[in-house]
Amino acid sequence: MQLTEQNQYEQGIYAIFNSATSDFYVGQTNCFGRRKQEHWNDLRNGTHVNEALQTAWNKYGEERFVFTILEIVKYDSQLPLKEHYWIDRLGSYNS
């Protein structure tokens, strides 16, 4: 699911997909729009805390990455469980 004006303030589980390698970075957030902006700012500045994601971004370029909503989650307490489910399902490289 793509990030839109209608869902940008929702909470849930997202993935950053690298189309060059088919790798996924999976995370959880209480605001999809804000979290995407934080990731992109850090990646563009070369300061992302996830070294594997930063290295891939530097190697393949911004145009190869897509922020995708995997699941909208209603309750905060479900976020960690849902995140682990998606990490296991997609074989994510860290969250």
C-alpha atoms as a PDB file:
ATOM      1  CA  MET A   1       0.000   0.000   0.000  1.00  0.00           C
ATOM      2  CA  GLN A   2       1.373   3.386  -0.937  1.00  0.00           C
ATOM      3  CA  LEU A   3       1.651   6.325   1.447  1.00  0.00           C
ATOM      4  CA  THR A   4      -1.182   8.798   0.768  1.00  0.00           C
ATOM      5  CA  GLU A   5      -2.732  11.856   2.375  1.00  0.00           C
ATOM      6  CA  GLN A   6      -5.430   9.578   3.780  1.00  0.00           C
ATOM      7  CA  ASN A   7      -3.060   7.184   5.570  1.00  0.00           C
ATOM      8  CA  GLN A   8       0.013   9.299   6.303  1.00  0.00           C
ATOM      9  CA  TYR A   9      -1.062   9.850   9.939  1.00  0.00           C
ATOM     10  CA  GLU A  10      -1.971   6.202  10.576  1.00  0.00           C
ATOM     11  CA  GLN A  11       0.212   3.840  12.591  1.00  0.00           C
ATOM     12  CA  GLY A  12       1.466   0.415  11.694  1.00  0.00           C
ATOM     13  CA  ILE A  13       4.160  -1.546   9.938  1.00  0.00           C
ATOM     14  CA  TYR A  14       6.071  -0.349   6.892  1.00  0.00           C
ATOM     15  CA  ALA A  15       8.848  -1.577   4.647  1.00  0.00           C
ATOM     16  CA  ILE A  16      11.545   0.213   2.733  1.00  0.00           C
ATOM     17  CA  PHE A  17      11.999  -1.900  -0.384  1.00  0.00           C
ATOM     18  CA  ASN A  18      15.232  -1.921  -2.366  1.00  0.00           C
ATOM     19  CA  SER A  19      14.234  -2.751  -5.941  1.00  0.00           C
ATOM     20  CA  ALA A  20      17.848  -3.419  -6.937  1.00  0.00           C
ATOM     21  CA  THR A  21      18.279  -6.300  -4.487  1.00  0.00           C
ATOM     22  CA  SER A  22      14.708  -7.119  -3.380  1.00  0.00           C
ATOM     23  CA  ASP A  23      15.778  -6.541   0.243  1.00  0.00           C
ATOM     24  CA  PHE A  24      13.393  -5.072   2.795  1.00  0.00           C
ATOM     25  CA  TYR A  25      13.905  -2.957   5.882  1.00  0.00           C
ATOM     26  CA  VAL A  26      10.856  -3.362   8.137  1.00  0.00           C
ATOM     27  CA  GLY A  27       9.834  -1.006  10.921  1.00  0.00           C
ATOM     28  CA  GLN A  28       6.938   0.193  13.037  1.00  0.00           C
ATOM     29  CA  THR A  29       5.640   3.715  13.538  1.00  0.00           C
ATOM     30  CA  ASN A  30       2.787   5.707  14.980  1.00  0.00           C
ATOM     31  CA  CYS A  31       2.850   8.056  11.948  1.00  0.00           C
ATOM     32  CA  PHE A  32       3.788   6.734   8.494  1.00  0.00           C
ATOM     33  CA  GLY A  33       4.360  10.134   6.893  1.00  0.00           C
ATOM     34  CA  ARG A  34       6.666  11.420   9.612  1.00  0.00           C
ATOM     35  CA  ARG A  35       8.646   8.175   9.751  1.00  0.00           C
ATOM     36  CA  LYS A  36       9.249   8.111   6.006  1.00  0.00           C
ATOM     37  CA  GLN A  37      10.510  11.694   6.153  1.00  0.00           C
ATOM     38  CA  GLU A  38      12.868  10.820   9.031  1.00  0.00           C
ATOM     39  CA  HIS A  39      14.292   7.836   7.133  1.00  0.00           C
ATOM     40  CA  TRP A  40      14.749   9.763   3.870  1.00  0.00           C
ATOM     41  CA  ASN A  41      16.397  12.710   5.649  1.00  0.00           C
ATOM     42  CA  ASP A  42      18.867  10.423   7.438  1.00  0.00           C
ATOM     43  CA  LEU A  43      19.591   8.409   4.298  1.00  0.00           C
ATOM     44  CA  ARG A  44      20.114  11.509   2.158  1.00  0.00           C
ATOM     45  CA  ASN A  45      22.455  12.926   4.811  1.00  0.00           C
ATOM     46  CA  GLY A  46      24.371   9.654   5.157  1.00  0.00           C
ATOM     47  CA  THR A  47      23.491   9.379   8.850  1.00  0.00           C
ATOM     48  CA  HIS A  48      21.017   6.490   9.022  1.00  0.00           C
ATOM     49  CA  VAL A  49      21.569   4.254  12.061  1.00  0.00           C
ATOM     50  CA  ASN A  50      21.070   1.073  10.031  1.00  0.00           C
ATOM     51  CA  GLU A  51      24.419   0.573   8.295  1.00  0.00           C
ATOM     52  CA  ALA A  52      23.133  -2.044   5.844  1.00  0.00           C
ATOM     53  CA  LEU A  53      20.324   0.233   4.678  1.00  0.00           C
ATOM     54  CA  GLN A  54      22.636   3.254   4.422  1.00  0.00           C
ATOM     55  CA  THR A  55      25.219   1.258   2.466  1.00  0.00           C
ATOM     56  CA  ALA A  56      22.569   0.007   0.035  1.00  0.00           C
ATOM     57  CA  TRP A  57      21.142   3.537  -0.368  1.00  0.00           C
ATOM     58  CA  ASN A  58      24.607   4.891  -1.144  1.00  0.00           C
ATOM     59  CA  LYS A  59      25.336   2.092  -3.612  1.00  0.00           C
ATOM     60  CA  TYR A  60      22.022   1.913  -5.512  1.00  0.00           C
ATOM     61  CA  GLY A  61      20.632   5.434  -5.132  1.00  0.00           C
ATOM     62  CA  GLU A  62      17.413   6.895  -3.802  1.00  0.00           C
ATOM     63  CA  GLU A  63      15.407   6.013  -6.904  1.00  0.00           C
ATOM     64  CA  ARG A  64      15.740   2.291  -6.086  1.00  0.00           C
ATOM     65  CA  PHE A  65      13.938   2.614  -2.724  1.00  0.00           C
ATOM     66  CA  VAL A  66      10.205   2.617  -2.027  1.00  0.00           C
ATOM     67  CA  PHE A  67       8.421   3.228   1.277  1.00  0.00           C
ATOM     68  CA  THR A  68       5.473   0.826   1.476  1.00  0.00           C
ATOM     69  CA  ILE A  69       2.808   0.373   4.129  1.00  0.00           C
ATOM     70  CA  LEU A  70       2.498  -3.302   5.003  1.00  0.00           C
ATOM     71  CA  GLU A  71      -0.228  -3.107   7.608  1.00  0.00           C
ATOM     72  CA  ILE A  72      -2.219  -0.453   9.428  1.00  0.00           C
ATOM     73  CA  VAL A  73      -2.368  -1.381  13.115  1.00  0.00           C
ATOM     74  CA  LYS A  74      -5.131  -0.071  15.344  1.00  0.00           C
ATOM     75  CA  TYR A  75      -3.583  -0.652  18.791  1.00  0.00           C
ATOM     76  CA  ASP A  76      -0.096   0.428  19.921  1.00  0.00           C
ATOM     77  CA  SER A  77       0.324  -2.773  21.892  1.00  0.00           C
ATOM     78  CA  GLN A  78       0.163  -4.806  18.648  1.00  0.00           C
ATOM     79  CA  LEU A  79       2.991  -2.971  16.907  1.00  0.00           C
ATOM     80  CA  PRO A  80       5.937  -5.096  18.180  1.00  0.00           C
ATOM     81  CA  LEU A  81       4.198  -8.393  17.402  1.00  0.00           C
ATOM     82  CA  LYS A  82       3.158  -7.245  13.944  1.00  0.00           C
ATOM     83  CA  GLU A  83       6.648  -5.927  13.222  1.00  0.00           C
ATOM     84  CA  HIS A  84       8.239  -9.274  14.126  1.00  0.00           C
ATOM     85  CA  TYR A  85       5.690 -11.095  11.988  1.00  0.00           C
ATOM     86  CA  TRP A  86       6.605  -9.006   8.920  1.00  0.00           C
ATOM     87  CA  ILE A  87      10.352  -9.246   9.572  1.00  0.00           C
ATOM     88  CA  ASP A  88      10.072 -13.035   9.648  1.00  0.00           C
ATOM     89  CA  ARG A  89       7.774 -13.139   6.614  1.00  0.00           C
ATOM     90  CA  LEU A  90       9.907 -10.895   4.405  1.00  0.00           C
ATOM     91  CA  GLY A  91      13.369 -11.818   5.641  1.00  0.00           C
ATOM     92  CA  SER A  92      14.105  -8.197   6.476  1.00  0.00           C
ATOM     93  CA  TYR A  93      17.628  -6.988   7.160  1.00  0.00           C
ATOM     94  CA  ASN A  94      17.090  -5.415  10.572  1.00  0.00           C
ATOM     95  CA  SER A  95      14.418  -3.078  11.794  1.00  0.00           C
END
